[in-house]
Amino acid sequence: MQTANIICEQLLIDPSQITTRETLYLANTDLFLSLLQGLNNRIRCVMIVGHNPTLETVVASLCNDLASDPARDIHLSPASLVVLEFDGDWSSLNRHSCFTKQVIHGKQL
């Protein structure tokens, strides 16, 4: 929660909008997918704050561009930010259905 609160403060996001899911700590990709697929389509943007190795695995499994190019292995150093793009309803989100829009490593912030 500490990291999420810092991010919200910096981005001027109301911290009361933070929803925590303890079950996602070290969860597998299928659990992340299930949670995202259940989102209301009125929600257009989601920020997930978490830790490795879970987030690297989730990002790699969601991104079509990473799956099609093994040389683009994703490594997220501490405080990294990944922006993914997905076109469709949340219920249709699946493995390899996103594209990597931007990766910013913590050292660059």
Foldseek 3Di string as FASTA:
>chain_A
DVVVVVVCVVVVHDPVPDDDDPCLAPDALVVVLVVQLPDDQVDDDDDDDYDPPRVQRNVCFQALVCVVDVVCRDDADPPKDWDKDADDHSNPRGTNRIHTPDIDHPVRD
